[in-house]
Amino acid sequence: MRLFVAIEISDVLRNSVELRIESTRARLPAASWLRPDALHLTLAFLGEQSDESVETIAICRIRSRWRQEDAEAFTQTFSDIDTPPFEVHEVVLFRSELRQEGAVHTPLHRVSLVRRA
């Protein structure tokens, strides 16, 4: 199965991005656009992986790569872009199924970046 790690975006940010896409769509008629419900921010594309490796990837790879400090650095890096503010609380391991009508992304595992007191 095809896997990737991503951040799901908030509805407020999704609406902002959707408005920008709509205002750009006419100027780029040949472009292919994601459906608004499929918008996300990909952090790592893992490609084809065996079904058996999903749990190992979810537990080891994501947790070792993404910590709260990473999320804070990401947020600070993009804080000057004119979008509604958003916080990153988790990363998600997704399965990507390519279909004729477009890719379908299914969340398989969520990893919280929030430290517990």
C-alpha atoms as a PDB file:
ATOM      1  CA  MET A   1       0.000   0.000   0.000  1.00  0.00           C
ATOM      2  CA  ARG A   2       1.126   3.588  -0.700  1.00  0.00           C
ATOM      3  CA  LEU A   3       1.780   5.524   2.508  1.00  0.00           C
ATOM      4  CA  PHE A   4       2.564   9.098   3.469  1.00  0.00           C
ATOM      5  CA  VAL A   5       2.804  11.151   6.653  1.00  0.00           C
ATOM      6  CA  ALA A   6       0.878  14.410   6.713  1.00  0.00           C
ATOM      7  CA  ILE A   7      -0.736  17.130   8.747  1.00  0.00           C
ATOM      8  CA  GLU A   8      -4.467  17.536   8.388  1.00  0.00           C
ATOM      9  CA  ILE A   9      -5.427  21.176   8.055  1.00  0.00           C
ATOM     10  CA  SER A  10      -8.231  22.935   9.895  1.00  0.00           C
ATOM     11  CA  ASP A  11     -11.517  23.798   8.235  1.00  0.00           C
ATOM     12  CA  VAL A  12     -10.667  27.514   8.477  1.00  0.00           C
ATOM     13  CA  LEU A  13      -7.379  27.005   6.648  1.00  0.00           C
ATOM     14  CA  ARG A  14      -9.016  24.616   4.177  1.00  0.00           C
ATOM     15  CA  ASN A  15     -11.620  27.278   3.320  1.00  0.00           C
ATOM     16  CA  SER A  16      -8.899  29.898   2.846  1.00  0.00           C
ATOM     17  CA  VAL A  17      -6.938  27.608   0.527  1.00  0.00           C
ATOM     18  CA  GLU A  18     -10.104  26.683  -1.352  1.00  0.00           C
ATOM     19  CA  LEU A  19     -10.846  30.379  -1.998  1.00  0.00           C
ATOM     20  CA  ARG A  20      -7.329  30.863  -3.359  1.00  0.00           C
ATOM     21  CA  ILE A  21      -7.668  27.838  -5.602  1.00  0.00           C
ATOM     22  CA  GLU A  22     -10.993  29.098  -6.953  1.00  0.00           C
ATOM     23  CA  SER A  23      -9.494  32.506  -7.738  1.00  0.00           C
ATOM     24  CA  THR A  24      -6.564  30.821  -9.534  1.00  0.00           C
ATOM     25  CA  ARG A  25      -8.405  28.011 -11.316  1.00  0.00           C
ATOM     26  CA  ALA A  26      -9.477  30.119 -14.326  1.00  0.00           C
ATOM     27  CA  ARG A  27      -5.889  31.301 -14.918  1.00  0.00           C
ATOM     28  CA  LEU A  28      -4.562  27.724 -14.859  1.00  0.00           C
ATOM     29  CA  PRO A  29      -7.185  25.688 -16.723  1.00  0.00           C
ATOM     30  CA  ALA A  30      -4.808  22.780 -17.402  1.00  0.00           C
ATOM     31  CA  ALA A  31      -3.910  22.344 -13.724  1.00  0.00           C
ATOM     32  CA  SER A  32      -5.218  19.445 -11.689  1.00  0.00           C
ATOM     33  CA  TRP A  33      -6.545  20.453  -8.273  1.00  0.00           C
ATOM     34  CA  LEU A  34      -7.158  18.406  -5.139  1.00  0.00           C
ATOM     35  CA  ARG A  35     -10.664  18.179  -3.807  1.00  0.00           C
ATOM     36  CA  PRO A  36     -10.985  20.487  -0.769  1.00  0.00           C
ATOM     37  CA  ASP A  37     -11.689  17.509   1.518  1.00  0.00           C
ATOM     38  CA  ALA A  38      -8.370  15.958   0.436  1.00  0.00           C
ATOM     39  CA  LEU A  39      -6.195  18.980   1.259  1.00  0.00           C
ATOM     40  CA  HIS A  40      -3.347  18.208   3.647  1.00  0.00           C
ATOM     41  CA  LEU A  41       0.326  19.030   4.126  1.00  0.00           C
ATOM     42  CA  THR A  42       2.558  16.080   3.241  1.00  0.00           C
ATOM     43  CA  LEU A  43       5.618  15.753   5.451  1.00  0.00           C
ATOM     44  CA  ALA A  44       7.009  12.522   4.024  1.00  0.00           C
ATOM     45  CA  PHE A  45       5.978  10.246   1.175  1.00  0.00           C
ATOM     46  CA  LEU A  46       6.875   6.673   2.104  1.00  0.00           C
ATOM     47  CA  GLY A  47       5.775   4.992  -1.136  1.00  0.00           C
ATOM     48  CA  GLU A  48       4.765   1.355  -1.364  1.00  0.00           C
ATOM     49  CA  GLN A  49       4.991  -0.462   1.965  1.00  0.00           C
ATOM     50  CA  SER A  50       3.840  -3.904   3.044  1.00  0.00           C
ATOM     51  CA  ASP A  51       0.704  -4.201   5.145  1.00  0.00           C
ATOM     52  CA  GLU A  52       2.804  -5.741   7.918  1.00  0.00           C
ATOM     53  CA  SER A  53       5.059  -2.665   8.171  1.00  0.00           C
ATOM     54  CA  VAL A  54       2.282  -0.155   8.913  1.00  0.00           C
ATOM     55  CA  GLU A  55       2.359  -0.546  12.693  1.00  0.00           C
ATOM     56  CA  THR A  56       6.159  -0.365  12.824  1.00  0.00           C
ATOM     57  CA  ILE A  57       6.172   2.760  10.669  1.00  0.00           C
ATOM     58  CA  ALA A  58       3.448   4.348  12.749  1.00  0.00           C
ATOM     59  CA  ILE A  59       5.121   3.761  16.072  1.00  0.00           C
ATOM     60  CA  CYS A  60       8.819   4.137  15.277  1.00  0.00           C
ATOM     61  CA  ARG A  61       9.276   6.350  12.285  1.00  0.00           C
ATOM     62  CA  ILE A  62       6.711   9.028  13.034  1.00  0.00           C
ATOM     63  CA  ARG A  63       7.466   9.338  16.733  1.00  0.00           C
ATOM     64  CA  SER A  64      11.205   9.504  16.188  1.00  0.00           C
ATOM     65  CA  ARG A  65      10.887  12.162  13.478  1.00  0.00           C
ATOM     66  CA  TRP A  66       8.185  14.494  14.778  1.00  0.00           C
ATOM     67  CA  ARG A  67       8.265  16.027  18.218  1.00  0.00           C
ATOM     68  CA  GLN A  68       6.492  19.075  19.628  1.00  0.00           C
ATOM     69  CA  GLU A  69       9.589  21.169  18.860  1.00  0.00           C
ATOM     70  CA  ASP A  70       9.285  20.190  15.198  1.00  0.00           C
ATOM     71  CA  ALA A  71       5.667  21.293  15.108  1.00  0.00           C
ATOM     72  CA  GLU A  72       6.540  24.607  16.756  1.00  0.00           C
ATOM     73  CA  ALA A  73       9.412  25.198  14.302  1.00  0.00           C
ATOM     74  CA  PHE A  74       7.094  24.408  11.400  1.00  0.00           C
ATOM     75  CA  THR A  75       4.458  26.830  12.672  1.00  0.00           C
ATOM     76  CA  GLN A  76       7.037  29.603  13.187  1.00  0.00           C
ATOM     77  CA  THR A  77       8.564  29.057   9.747  1.00  0.00           C
ATOM     78  CA  PHE A  78       5.241  29.571   8.008  1.00  0.00           C
ATOM     79  CA  SER A  79       3.798  32.174  10.395  1.00  0.00           C
ATOM     80  CA  ASP A  80       4.349  35.049   7.939  1.00  0.00           C
ATOM     81  CA  ILE A  81       2.232  33.487   5.186  1.00  0.00           C
ATOM     82  CA  ASP A  82      -1.141  35.187   4.870  1.00  0.00           C
ATOM     83  CA  THR A  83      -3.368  32.351   6.054  1.00  0.00           C
ATOM     84  CA  PRO A  84      -5.487  31.873   9.124  1.00  0.00           C
ATOM     85  CA  PRO A  85      -3.339  30.761  12.060  1.00  0.00           C
ATOM     86  CA  PHE A  86      -3.218  27.068  12.825  1.00  0.00           C
ATOM     87  CA  GLU A  87      -1.536  24.785  15.287  1.00  0.00           C
ATOM     88  CA  VAL A  88      -0.127  21.344  14.645  1.00  0.00           C
ATOM     89  CA  HIS A  89      -1.183  18.855  17.317  1.00  0.00           C
ATOM     90  CA  GLU A  90      -0.660  15.575  15.498  1.00  0.00           C
ATOM     91  CA  VAL A  91       0.708  13.926  12.402  1.00  0.00           C
ATOM     92  CA  VAL A  92      -1.162  11.240  10.526  1.00  0.00           C
ATOM     93  CA  LEU A  93      -0.025   8.154   8.633  1.00  0.00           C
ATOM     94  CA  PHE A  94      -2.236   7.892   5.531  1.00  0.00           C
ATOM     95  CA  ARG A  95      -2.848   5.214   2.927  1.00  0.00           C
ATOM     96  CA  SER A  96      -3.202   6.644  -0.575  1.00  0.00           C
ATOM     97  CA  GLU A  97      -5.329   4.719  -3.052  1.00  0.00           C
ATOM     98  CA  LEU A  98      -5.107   5.920  -6.636  1.00  0.00           C
ATOM     99  CA  ARG A  99      -8.484   5.780  -8.335  1.00  0.00           C
ATOM    100  CA  GLN A 100      -9.739   7.037 -11.667  1.00  0.00           C
ATOM    101  CA  GLU A 101     -11.741   9.807  -9.975  1.00  0.00           C
ATOM    102  CA  GLY A 102      -8.738  10.854  -7.875  1.00  0.00           C
ATOM    103  CA  ALA A 103      -6.680   9.706  -4.921  1.00  0.00           C
ATOM    104  CA  VAL A 104      -8.442   8.598  -1.753  1.00  0.00           C
ATOM    105  CA  HIS A 105      -6.523   9.208   1.482  1.00  0.00           C
ATOM    106  CA  THR A 106      -7.389   7.061   4.484  1.00  0.00           C
ATOM    107  CA  PRO A 107      -5.927   7.815   7.932  1.00  0.00           C
ATOM    108  CA  LEU A 108      -4.329   4.699   9.423  1.00  0.00           C
ATOM    109  CA  HIS A 109      -2.613   6.017  12.543  1.00  0.00           C
ATOM    110  CA  ARG A 110      -2.440   9.320  14.424  1.00  0.00           C
ATOM    111  CA  VAL A 111       0.499  10.425  16.543  1.00  0.00           C
ATOM    112  CA  SER A 112      -0.039  13.240  19.029  1.00  0.00           C
ATOM    113  CA  LEU A 113       2.652  15.904  19.299  1.00  0.00           C
ATOM    114  CA  VAL A 114       1.193  17.362  22.478  1.00  0.00           C
ATOM    115  CA  ARG A 115       3.153  16.714  25.611  1.00  0.00           C
ATOM    116  CA  ARG A 116       1.174  15.420  28.508  1.00  0.00           C
ATOM    117  CA  ALA A 117       1.747  16.991  31.887  1.00  0.00           C
END
